[in-house]
């Protein structure tokens, strides 16, 4: 799973999800196909890894995958049946807040059918609605 090697603080506050559209990370940079979120939300490290495994398996390890997101926010939880107080709980898992329009994954492969099949099955694993982006080539 993806977790940061080192952080400034062990625990952080919950924060809020920004509902604005993403304008910096909304274009394909590395691959020719990508998976773009259409709504804001939270994605955990386990979900990121599940999507990566699905894409790799569906493409039969042909092509290249870029993960454009990284879970850097710790989520804490207190154990079950513990009384109130006594401080904040331990880190349970890691997550990332994403905006609408953010490119989550990019794929480069020559087999277009397997790429579309892989990205469609990968989008089922995510808690946000997504769409598939395709890089257009401009001819002179």
N, C-alpha and C. Protein backbone atom coordinates (compact mmCIF):
# COMPACT_ATOMS: atom_id res chain seq x y z
N UNK A 1 0.83 -1.19 0.00
CA UNK A 1 0.00 0.00 0.00
C UNK A 1 0.87 1.25 0.00
N UNK A 2 0.28 2.33 -0.43
CA UNK A 2 0.98 3.60 -0.47
C UNK A 2 0.85 4.32 0.87
N UNK A 3 1.98 4.61 1.50
CA UNK A 3 1.99 5.45 2.70
C UNK A 3 3.23 6.34 2.61
N UNK A 4 3.18 7.54 3.17
CA UNK A 4 4.34 8.41 3.11
C UNK A 4 5.47 7.89 4.00
N UNK A 5 6.71 8.12 3.56
CA UNK A 5 7.87 7.73 4.36
C UNK A 5 8.00 8.61 5.60
N UNK A 6 7.76 9.89 5.42
CA UNK A 6 8.00 10.84 6.51
C UNK A 6 6.98 11.98 6.39
N UNK A 7 6.41 12.39 7.51
CA UNK A 7 5.47 13.50 7.52
C UNK A 7 5.87 14.50 8.59
N UNK A 8 5.44 15.74 8.45
CA UNK A 8 5.75 16.75 9.46
C UNK A 8 5.02 16.46 10.76
N UNK A 9 3.77 16.02 10.67
CA UNK A 9 2.97 15.74 11.85
C UNK A 9 2.36 14.35 11.72
N UNK A 10 2.26 13.65 12.85
CA UNK A 10 1.76 12.28 12.85
C UNK A 10 0.26 12.22 12.53
N UNK A 11 -0.49 13.19 13.06
CA UNK A 11 -1.94 13.21 12.87
C UNK A 11 -2.35 14.60 12.39
N UNK A 12 -3.45 14.68 11.64
CA UNK A 12 -3.92 15.98 11.18
C UNK A 12 -5.43 16.05 11.33
N UNK A 13 -5.98 17.26 11.19
CA UNK A 13 -7.43 17.43 11.30
C UNK A 13 -8.11 16.94 10.04
N UNK A 14 -9.42 16.76 10.13
CA UNK A 14 -10.18 16.13 9.06
C UNK A 14 -10.17 16.95 7.78
N UNK A 15 -10.37 18.27 7.88
CA UNK A 15 -10.38 19.11 6.70
C UNK A 15 -11.68 19.00 5.93
N UNK A 16 -11.74 19.69 4.81
CA UNK A 16 -12.93 19.71 3.98
C UNK A 16 -12.57 19.37 2.54
N UNK A 17 -13.55 18.87 1.80
CA UNK A 17 -13.34 18.56 0.38
C UNK A 17 -13.66 19.82 -0.42
N UNK A 18 -12.72 20.21 -1.27
CA UNK A 18 -12.90 21.37 -2.13
C UNK A 18 -13.75 20.96 -3.33
N UNK A 19 -14.88 21.61 -3.52
CA UNK A 19 -15.83 21.23 -4.57
C UNK A 19 -15.57 21.93 -5.90
N UNK A 20 -14.51 22.75 -5.98
CA UNK A 20 -14.20 23.43 -7.23
C UNK A 20 -13.61 22.45 -8.24
N UNK A 21 -13.62 22.86 -9.51
CA UNK A 21 -13.06 22.04 -10.58
C UNK A 21 -11.54 22.18 -10.57
N UNK A 22 -10.83 21.11 -10.86
CA UNK A 22 -9.37 21.11 -10.89
C UNK A 22 -8.89 21.67 -12.22
N UNK A 23 -7.96 22.64 -12.18
CA UNK A 23 -7.45 23.24 -13.41
C UNK A 23 -5.98 22.94 -13.66
N UNK A 24 -5.26 22.46 -12.68
CA UNK A 24 -3.84 22.16 -12.88
C UNK A 24 -3.62 20.73 -13.34
N UNK A 25 -4.23 19.78 -12.65
CA UNK A 25 -3.99 18.36 -12.93
C UNK A 25 -5.14 17.75 -13.72
N UNK A 26 -5.69 18.48 -14.68
CA UNK A 26 -6.85 17.97 -15.40
C UNK A 26 -6.52 17.52 -16.83
N UNK A 27 -5.23 17.52 -17.20
CA UNK A 27 -4.83 17.10 -18.54
C UNK A 27 -3.89 15.91 -18.47
N UNK A 28 -3.84 15.15 -19.55
CA UNK A 28 -2.92 14.02 -19.62
C UNK A 28 -1.50 14.54 -19.82
N UNK A 29 -0.55 14.00 -19.06
CA UNK A 29 0.84 14.45 -19.17
C UNK A 29 1.78 13.35 -19.62
N UNK A 30 1.50 12.10 -19.28
CA UNK A 30 2.44 11.02 -19.54
C UNK A 30 1.90 10.02 -20.56
N UNK A 31 0.71 9.49 -20.32
CA UNK A 31 0.15 8.44 -21.17
C UNK A 31 -0.78 8.98 -22.23
N UNK A 32 -1.32 8.06 -23.03
CA UNK A 32 -2.26 8.45 -24.08
C UNK A 32 -3.71 8.29 -23.65
N UNK A 33 -3.96 7.57 -22.56
CA UNK A 33 -5.30 7.41 -22.01
C UNK A 33 -5.25 7.68 -20.52
N UNK A 34 -6.37 8.14 -19.95
CA UNK A 34 -6.38 8.44 -18.53
C UNK A 34 -7.76 8.28 -17.93
N UNK A 35 -7.78 8.25 -16.59
CA UNK A 35 -9.02 8.15 -15.83
C UNK A 35 -9.17 9.45 -15.04
N UNK A 36 -10.23 10.20 -15.33
CA UNK A 36 -10.46 11.52 -14.72
C UNK A 36 -11.70 11.47 -13.84
N UNK A 37 -11.59 12.07 -12.65
CA UNK A 37 -12.73 12.11 -11.74
C UNK A 37 -13.71 13.19 -12.19
N UNK A 38 -14.98 12.92 -12.00
CA UNK A 38 -16.02 13.88 -12.35
C UNK A 38 -16.65 14.52 -11.14
N UNK A 39 -16.27 14.06 -9.94
CA UNK A 39 -16.78 14.65 -8.71
C UNK A 39 -15.69 14.61 -7.65
N UNK A 40 -15.84 15.47 -6.66
CA UNK A 40 -14.87 15.52 -5.56
C UNK A 40 -15.15 14.41 -4.56
N UNK A 41 -14.12 13.98 -3.86
CA UNK A 41 -14.30 12.93 -2.88
C UNK A 41 -13.00 12.54 -2.21
N UNK A 42 -13.06 11.44 -1.46
CA UNK A 42 -11.90 10.90 -0.77
C UNK A 42 -11.58 9.53 -1.32
N UNK A 43 -10.29 9.26 -1.54
CA UNK A 43 -9.86 7.96 -2.02
C UNK A 43 -8.79 7.45 -1.06
N UNK A 44 -8.94 6.20 -0.60
CA UNK A 44 -7.99 5.63 0.35
C UNK A 44 -6.86 4.93 -0.41
N UNK A 45 -5.80 4.61 0.33
CA UNK A 45 -4.64 3.94 -0.26
C UNK A 45 -5.01 2.54 -0.76
N UNK A 46 -5.92 1.86 -0.07
CA UNK A 46 -6.35 0.53 -0.50
C UNK A 46 -7.09 0.59 -1.84
N UNK A 47 -7.90 1.64 -2.03
CA UNK A 47 -8.63 1.79 -3.29
C UNK A 47 -7.67 2.09 -4.44
N UNK A 48 -6.65 2.91 -4.18
CA UNK A 48 -5.66 3.23 -5.21
C UNK A 48 -4.93 1.96 -5.64
N UNK A 49 -4.55 1.13 -4.68
CA UNK A 49 -3.85 -0.11 -4.98
C UNK A 49 -4.75 -1.11 -5.69
N UNK A 50 -6.04 -1.17 -5.32
CA UNK A 50 -6.97 -2.08 -5.98
C UNK A 50 -7.16 -1.70 -7.45
N UNK A 51 -7.23 -0.41 -7.73
CA UNK A 51 -7.38 0.05 -9.11
C UNK A 51 -6.12 -0.27 -9.90
N UNK A 52 -4.96 -0.07 -9.30
CA UNK A 52 -3.70 -0.35 -9.99
C UNK A 52 -3.60 -1.84 -10.35
N UNK A 53 -3.99 -2.71 -9.41
CA UNK A 53 -3.95 -4.15 -9.68
C UNK A 53 -4.93 -4.54 -10.78
N UNK A 54 -6.10 -3.92 -10.79
CA UNK A 54 -7.11 -4.22 -11.81
C UNK A 54 -6.62 -3.82 -13.20
N UNK A 55 -6.04 -2.62 -13.31
CA UNK A 55 -5.54 -2.16 -14.61
C UNK A 55 -4.42 -3.06 -15.09
N UNK A 56 -3.50 -3.43 -14.20
CA UNK A 56 -2.37 -4.29 -14.57
C UNK A 56 -2.86 -5.66 -15.03
N UNK A 57 -3.83 -6.22 -14.33
CA UNK A 57 -4.33 -7.55 -14.68
C UNK A 57 -5.09 -7.54 -16.01
N UNK A 58 -5.92 -6.52 -16.22
CA UNK A 58 -6.72 -6.46 -17.45
C UNK A 58 -5.86 -6.21 -18.69
N UNK A 59 -4.76 -5.45 -18.52
CA UNK A 59 -3.88 -5.17 -19.65
C UNK A 59 -2.83 -6.26 -19.84
N UNK A 60 -2.83 -7.26 -18.96
CA UNK A 60 -1.89 -8.39 -19.02
C UNK A 60 -0.45 -7.91 -19.02
N UNK A 61 -0.18 -6.89 -18.21
CA UNK A 61 1.16 -6.32 -17.99
C UNK A 61 1.80 -5.79 -19.26
N UNK A 62 0.99 -5.42 -20.24
CA UNK A 62 1.51 -4.78 -21.45
C UNK A 62 1.15 -3.30 -21.36
N UNK A 63 2.11 -2.44 -21.54
CA UNK A 63 1.87 -1.01 -21.42
C UNK A 63 2.44 -0.47 -20.13
N UNK A 64 2.22 0.81 -19.90
CA UNK A 64 2.75 1.49 -18.73
C UNK A 64 1.64 2.23 -18.02
N UNK A 65 1.71 2.25 -16.67
CA UNK A 65 0.69 2.90 -15.85
C UNK A 65 1.36 3.98 -15.00
N UNK A 66 0.75 5.15 -14.94
CA UNK A 66 1.18 6.22 -14.05
C UNK A 66 0.07 6.51 -13.06
N UNK A 67 0.40 6.53 -11.77
CA UNK A 67 -0.56 6.91 -10.73
C UNK A 67 -0.30 8.37 -10.40
N UNK A 68 -1.28 9.22 -10.64
CA UNK A 68 -1.09 10.66 -10.48
C UNK A 68 -1.51 11.18 -9.10
N UNK A 69 -1.96 10.29 -8.21
CA UNK A 69 -2.39 10.71 -6.88
C UNK A 69 -1.60 9.94 -5.83
N UNK A 70 -1.46 10.54 -4.65
CA UNK A 70 -0.75 9.88 -3.55
C UNK A 70 -1.47 10.18 -2.24
N UNK A 71 -1.77 9.15 -1.44
CA UNK A 71 -2.48 9.37 -0.17
C UNK A 71 -1.53 9.90 0.90
N UNK A 72 -1.70 11.15 1.27
CA UNK A 72 -0.79 11.77 2.24
C UNK A 72 -1.51 12.31 3.47
N UNK A 73 -2.80 11.99 3.63
CA UNK A 73 -3.56 12.49 4.77
C UNK A 73 -3.87 11.31 5.69
N UNK A 74 -3.43 11.35 6.96
CA UNK A 74 -3.73 10.24 7.87
C UNK A 74 -5.16 10.34 8.40
N UNK A 75 -5.82 9.20 8.50
CA UNK A 75 -7.17 9.12 9.07
C UNK A 75 -7.05 8.32 10.37
N UNK A 76 -7.49 8.93 11.47
CA UNK A 76 -7.36 8.28 12.77
C UNK A 76 -8.70 7.71 13.21
N UNK A 77 -8.63 6.72 14.09
CA UNK A 77 -9.85 6.13 14.65
C UNK A 77 -9.53 5.56 16.02
N UNK A 78 -10.49 5.69 16.93
CA UNK A 78 -10.33 5.10 18.26
C UNK A 78 -10.82 3.65 18.21
N UNK A 79 -10.28 2.78 19.02
CA UNK A 79 -10.74 1.39 19.03
C UNK A 79 -12.20 1.29 19.47
N UNK A 80 -12.81 0.15 19.19
CA UNK A 80 -14.20 -0.06 19.56
C UNK A 80 -14.33 -0.16 21.08
N UNK A 81 -15.45 0.34 21.60
CA UNK A 81 -15.80 0.27 23.03
C UNK A 81 -14.76 0.94 23.92
N UNK A 82 -14.30 2.12 23.49
CA UNK A 82 -13.39 2.92 24.31
C UNK A 82 -14.13 4.18 24.72
N UNK A 83 -13.97 4.59 25.97
CA UNK A 83 -14.69 5.76 26.47
C UNK A 83 -14.15 7.04 25.84
N UNK A 84 -14.99 8.08 25.91
CA UNK A 84 -14.64 9.37 25.33
C UNK A 84 -13.45 9.98 26.07
N UNK A 85 -12.73 10.85 25.33
CA UNK A 85 -11.57 11.50 25.93
C UNK A 85 -10.30 10.73 25.67
N UNK A 86 -9.27 11.02 26.45
CA UNK A 86 -7.97 10.35 26.35
C UNK A 86 -7.28 10.58 25.02
N UNK A 87 -7.57 11.68 24.35
CA UNK A 87 -6.82 12.06 23.14
C UNK A 87 -7.34 11.46 21.85
N UNK A 88 -6.61 11.78 20.80
CA UNK A 88 -6.98 11.35 19.46
C UNK A 88 -6.52 9.91 19.24
N UNK A 89 -7.23 9.18 18.39
CA UNK A 89 -6.91 7.78 18.13
C UNK A 89 -5.69 7.59 17.26
N UNK A 90 -5.32 6.35 17.03
CA UNK A 90 -4.17 6.02 16.20
C UNK A 90 -4.53 6.12 14.73
N UNK A 91 -3.50 6.22 13.88
CA UNK A 91 -3.70 6.30 12.44
C UNK A 91 -4.23 4.96 11.94
N UNK A 92 -5.41 5.00 11.30
CA UNK A 92 -6.05 3.78 10.81
C UNK A 92 -5.66 3.51 9.36
N UNK A 93 -5.76 4.54 8.50
CA UNK A 93 -5.37 4.40 7.11
C UNK A 93 -5.01 5.76 6.54
N UNK A 94 -4.58 5.79 5.28
CA UNK A 94 -4.19 7.02 4.60
C UNK A 94 -5.14 7.28 3.44
N UNK A 95 -5.38 8.56 3.14
CA UNK A 95 -6.31 8.90 2.07
C UNK A 95 -5.87 10.20 1.40
N UNK A 96 -6.54 10.52 0.31
CA UNK A 96 -6.31 11.77 -0.41
C UNK A 96 -7.66 12.38 -0.76
N UNK A 97 -7.73 13.70 -0.69
CA UNK A 97 -8.91 14.42 -1.15
C UNK A 97 -8.69 14.80 -2.60
N UNK A 98 -9.64 14.47 -3.46
CA UNK A 98 -9.50 14.82 -4.87
C UNK A 98 -10.60 15.80 -5.28
N UNK A 99 -10.28 16.61 -6.26
CA UNK A 99 -11.24 17.54 -6.82
C UNK A 99 -11.88 16.93 -8.07
N UNK A 100 -12.96 17.52 -8.50
CA UNK A 100 -13.58 17.11 -9.75
C UNK A 100 -12.68 17.56 -10.90
N UNK A 101 -12.47 16.68 -11.85
CA UNK A 101 -11.64 17.01 -13.01
C UNK A 101 -10.20 16.57 -12.88
N UNK A 102 -9.82 16.00 -11.76
CA UNK A 102 -8.43 15.60 -11.54
C UNK A 102 -8.15 14.27 -12.23
N UNK A 103 -7.01 14.20 -12.93
CA UNK A 103 -6.61 12.95 -13.58
C UNK A 103 -6.00 12.05 -12.52
N UNK A 104 -6.53 10.84 -12.38
CA UNK A 104 -6.10 9.92 -11.33
C UNK A 104 -5.06 8.93 -11.83
N UNK A 105 -5.28 8.36 -13.00
CA UNK A 105 -4.38 7.35 -13.57
C UNK A 105 -4.16 7.67 -15.04
N UNK A 106 -2.97 7.31 -15.54
CA UNK A 106 -2.69 7.42 -16.96
C UNK A 106 -2.11 6.11 -17.45
N UNK A 107 -2.43 5.77 -18.69
CA UNK A 107 -2.01 4.49 -19.26
C UNK A 107 -1.49 4.74 -20.67
N UNK A 108 -0.41 4.07 -21.02
CA UNK A 108 0.11 4.09 -22.39
C UNK A 108 0.22 2.66 -22.88
N UNK A 109 -0.49 2.36 -23.97
CA UNK A 109 -0.45 1.02 -24.55
C UNK A 109 -0.90 1.11 -25.99
N UNK A 110 -0.48 0.11 -26.78
CA UNK A 110 -0.87 0.10 -28.19
C UNK A 110 -2.23 -0.57 -28.40
N UNK A 111 -2.65 -1.43 -27.47
CA UNK A 111 -3.91 -2.14 -27.59
C UNK A 111 -5.03 -1.31 -26.96
N UNK A 112 -5.81 -0.63 -27.79
CA UNK A 112 -6.83 0.30 -27.31
C UNK A 112 -7.97 -0.43 -26.61
N UNK A 113 -8.36 -1.59 -27.12
CA UNK A 113 -9.49 -2.32 -26.53
C UNK A 113 -9.20 -2.76 -25.09
N UNK A 114 -7.99 -3.26 -24.85
CA UNK A 114 -7.66 -3.69 -23.50
C UNK A 114 -7.54 -2.50 -22.55
N UNK A 115 -7.11 -1.35 -23.05
CA UNK A 115 -7.01 -0.15 -22.21
C UNK A 115 -8.39 0.31 -21.78
N UNK A 116 -9.34 0.38 -22.72
CA UNK A 116 -10.69 0.81 -22.37
C UNK A 116 -11.36 -0.19 -21.43
N UNK A 117 -11.13 -1.48 -21.65
CA UNK A 117 -11.68 -2.50 -20.76
C UNK A 117 -11.08 -2.38 -19.37
N UNK A 118 -9.77 -2.13 -19.29
CA UNK A 118 -9.09 -2.00 -18.00
C UNK A 118 -9.57 -0.77 -17.24
N UNK A 119 -9.70 0.36 -17.93
CA UNK A 119 -10.12 1.59 -17.25
C UNK A 119 -11.59 1.54 -16.84
N UNK A 120 -12.43 0.86 -17.62
CA UNK A 120 -13.84 0.71 -17.24
C UNK A 120 -13.98 -0.15 -15.99
N UNK A 121 -13.23 -1.25 -15.93
CA UNK A 121 -13.32 -2.11 -14.75
C UNK A 121 -12.64 -1.45 -13.55
N UNK A 122 -11.67 -0.59 -13.79
CA UNK A 122 -11.01 0.11 -12.69
C UNK A 122 -11.90 1.19 -12.09
N UNK A 123 -12.73 1.82 -12.91
CA UNK A 123 -13.59 2.88 -12.41
C UNK A 123 -14.65 2.37 -11.45
N UNK A 124 -14.97 1.08 -11.54
CA UNK A 124 -15.94 0.47 -10.63
C UNK A 124 -15.39 0.44 -9.21
N UNK A 125 -14.08 0.30 -9.08
CA UNK A 125 -13.44 0.19 -7.76
C UNK A 125 -13.34 1.52 -7.02
N UNK A 126 -13.56 2.63 -7.72
CA UNK A 126 -13.40 3.96 -7.10
C UNK A 126 -14.72 4.47 -6.55
N UNK A 127 -14.68 5.27 -5.46
CA UNK A 127 -15.91 5.80 -4.87
C UNK A 127 -16.46 7.04 -5.56
N UNK A 128 -15.77 7.53 -6.59
CA UNK A 128 -16.22 8.72 -7.32
C UNK A 128 -16.50 8.32 -8.76
N UNK A 129 -17.37 9.08 -9.42
CA UNK A 129 -17.65 8.81 -10.83
C UNK A 129 -16.48 9.32 -11.68
N UNK A 130 -16.16 8.59 -12.72
CA UNK A 130 -15.00 8.93 -13.55
C UNK A 130 -15.36 8.85 -15.02
N UNK A 131 -14.44 9.34 -15.85
CA UNK A 131 -14.55 9.18 -17.30
C UNK A 131 -13.16 8.89 -17.87
N UNK A 132 -13.14 8.35 -19.08
CA UNK A 132 -11.87 8.00 -19.72
C UNK A 132 -11.48 9.13 -20.65
N UNK A 133 -10.24 9.59 -20.50
CA UNK A 133 -9.70 10.63 -21.38
C UNK A 133 -8.83 9.98 -22.44
N UNK A 134 -8.79 10.60 -23.62
CA UNK A 134 -7.94 10.12 -24.70
C UNK A 134 -7.17 11.29 -25.26
N UNK A 135 -5.87 11.13 -25.41
CA UNK A 135 -5.04 12.21 -25.92
C UNK A 135 -5.25 12.32 -27.43
N UNK A 136 -5.50 13.54 -27.89
CA UNK A 136 -5.70 13.75 -29.31
C UNK A 136 -4.39 14.22 -29.93
N UNK A 137 -4.09 13.72 -31.11
CA UNK A 137 -2.87 14.08 -31.82
C UNK A 137 -3.24 15.08 -32.91
N UNK A 138 -2.59 16.23 -32.86
CA UNK A 138 -2.87 17.26 -33.87
C UNK A 138 -1.93 17.07 -35.06
N UNK A 139 -2.52 16.95 -36.25
CA UNK A 139 -1.74 16.82 -37.45
C UNK A 139 -1.62 18.15 -38.16
N UNK A 140 -0.48 18.41 -38.73
CA UNK A 140 -0.27 19.69 -39.41
C UNK A 140 -0.79 19.66 -40.81
